[in-house]
Amino acid sequence: MKAIGSLIMAIACISYGIYCIINGGTHDRGKGWFTKEEGPKAYIFAMALYFLIGISSLIYYIYLNFIR
């Protein structure tokens, strides 16, 4: 199995994104935990980033192990 770290990163990012959606907020380095009402732009940006990294890592893992 090649690039197992990519699979671990995908699971971690997607899991944390789902956790943040369920709890209605996210963590920011300077502010700590804040809800989507307190910072809607930062919340949307963070969710997009978590899922983008997670899905791209998953696609990379699938490519290396099953397609190539």
C-alpha atoms as a PDB file:
ATOM      1  CA  MET A   1       0.000   0.000   0.000  1.00  0.00           C
ATOM      2  CA  LYS A   2       1.534   3.238  -1.158  1.00  0.00           C
ATOM      3  CA  ALA A   3       0.943   6.619   0.503  1.00  0.00           C
ATOM      4  CA  ILE A   4      -0.902   5.351   3.592  1.00  0.00           C
ATOM      5  CA  GLY A   5      -0.308   8.795   5.135  1.00  0.00           C
ATOM      6  CA  SER A   6      -2.515  10.280   2.448  1.00  0.00           C
ATOM      7  CA  LEU A   7      -5.376   7.999   3.509  1.00  0.00           C
ATOM      8  CA  ILE A   8      -4.875   8.910   7.175  1.00  0.00           C
ATOM      9  CA  MET A   9      -4.880  12.630   6.322  1.00  0.00           C
ATOM     10  CA  ALA A  10      -8.054  12.224   4.257  1.00  0.00           C
ATOM     11  CA  ILE A  11      -9.876  10.445   7.080  1.00  0.00           C
ATOM     12  CA  ALA A  12      -8.679  13.009   9.648  1.00  0.00           C
ATOM     13  CA  CYS A  13      -9.671  16.078   7.613  1.00  0.00           C
ATOM     14  CA  ILE A  14     -13.067  14.752   6.574  1.00  0.00           C
ATOM     15  CA  SER A  15     -13.801  13.536  10.121  1.00  0.00           C
ATOM     16  CA  TYR A  16     -12.897  16.901  11.648  1.00  0.00           C
ATOM     17  CA  GLY A  17     -14.993  18.690   9.030  1.00  0.00           C
ATOM     18  CA  ILE A  18     -18.007  16.533   9.905  1.00  0.00           C
ATOM     19  CA  TYR A  19     -17.367  17.130  13.626  1.00  0.00           C
ATOM     20  CA  CYS A  20     -17.333  20.896  13.039  1.00  0.00           C
ATOM     21  CA  ILE A  21     -20.548  20.769  11.016  1.00  0.00           C
ATOM     22  CA  ILE A  22     -22.326  18.733  13.707  1.00  0.00           C
ATOM     23  CA  ASN A  23     -21.199  21.112  16.473  1.00  0.00           C
ATOM     24  CA  GLY A  24     -21.798  24.248  14.387  1.00  0.00           C
ATOM     25  CA  GLY A  25     -18.402  25.859  14.661  1.00  0.00           C
ATOM     26  CA  THR A  26     -14.691  25.586  14.034  1.00  0.00           C
ATOM     27  CA  HIS A  27     -11.378  26.394  15.687  1.00  0.00           C
ATOM     28  CA  ASP A  28      -9.298  29.439  14.815  1.00  0.00           C
ATOM     29  CA  ARG A  29      -5.741  29.855  16.013  1.00  0.00           C
ATOM     30  CA  GLY A  30      -6.178  33.316  17.521  1.00  0.00           C
ATOM     31  CA  LYS A  31      -9.807  33.091  18.669  1.00  0.00           C
ATOM     32  CA  GLY A  32     -10.289  29.498  19.757  1.00  0.00           C
ATOM     33  CA  TRP A  33     -13.642  27.848  19.090  1.00  0.00           C
ATOM     34  CA  PHE A  34     -16.256  30.020  17.407  1.00  0.00           C
ATOM     35  CA  THR A  35     -19.648  29.290  15.907  1.00  0.00           C
ATOM     36  CA  LYS A  36     -20.681  29.862  12.325  1.00  0.00           C
ATOM     37  CA  GLU A  37     -22.823  32.803  13.465  1.00  0.00           C
ATOM     38  CA  GLU A  38     -19.810  34.547  15.025  1.00  0.00           C
ATOM     39  CA  GLY A  39     -17.622  34.176  11.925  1.00  0.00           C
ATOM     40  CA  PRO A  40     -19.512  32.950   8.868  1.00  0.00           C
ATOM     41  CA  LYS A  41     -16.762  33.692   6.325  1.00  0.00           C
ATOM     42  CA  ALA A  42     -14.048  32.008   8.361  1.00  0.00           C
ATOM     43  CA  TYR A  43     -16.353  29.043   9.019  1.00  0.00           C
ATOM     44  CA  ILE A  44     -17.125  28.552   5.326  1.00  0.00           C
ATOM     45  CA  PHE A  45     -13.454  28.930   4.411  1.00  0.00           C
ATOM     46  CA  ALA A  46     -12.384  26.389   7.049  1.00  0.00           C
ATOM     47  CA  MET A  47     -15.028  23.843   5.999  1.00  0.00           C
ATOM     48  CA  ALA A  48     -14.070  24.210   2.342  1.00  0.00           C
ATOM     49  CA  LEU A  49     -10.404  23.778   3.226  1.00  0.00           C
ATOM     50  CA  TYR A  50     -10.982  20.673   5.393  1.00  0.00           C
ATOM     51  CA  PHE A  51     -13.046  18.936   2.741  1.00  0.00           C
ATOM     52  CA  LEU A  52     -10.800  20.018  -0.145  1.00  0.00           C
ATOM     53  CA  ILE A  53      -7.706  18.626   1.564  1.00  0.00           C
ATOM     54  CA  GLY A  54      -9.557  15.462   2.606  1.00  0.00           C
ATOM     55  CA  ILE A  55     -11.037  14.712  -0.797  1.00  0.00           C
ATOM     56  CA  SER A  56      -7.832  15.500  -2.684  1.00  0.00           C
ATOM     57  CA  SER A  57      -5.842  13.237  -0.336  1.00  0.00           C
ATOM     58  CA  LEU A  58      -8.370  10.458  -0.848  1.00  0.00           C
ATOM     59  CA  ILE A  59      -8.222  10.836  -4.640  1.00  0.00           C
ATOM     60  CA  TYR A  60      -4.418  10.774  -4.501  1.00  0.00           C
ATOM     61  CA  TYR A  61      -4.472   7.588  -2.418  1.00  0.00           C
ATOM     62  CA  ILE A  62      -6.919   5.898  -4.803  1.00  0.00           C
ATOM     63  CA  TYR A  63      -4.852   6.975  -7.799  1.00  0.00           C
ATOM     64  CA  LEU A  64      -1.607   5.556  -6.416  1.00  0.00           C
ATOM     65  CA  ASN A  65      -3.057   2.267  -5.239  1.00  0.00           C
ATOM     66  CA  PHE A  66      -5.792   1.343  -7.674  1.00  0.00           C
ATOM     67  CA  ILE A  67      -5.521   3.283 -10.930  1.00  0.00           C
ATOM     68  CA  ARG A  68      -1.794   3.460 -11.589  1.00  0.00           C
END
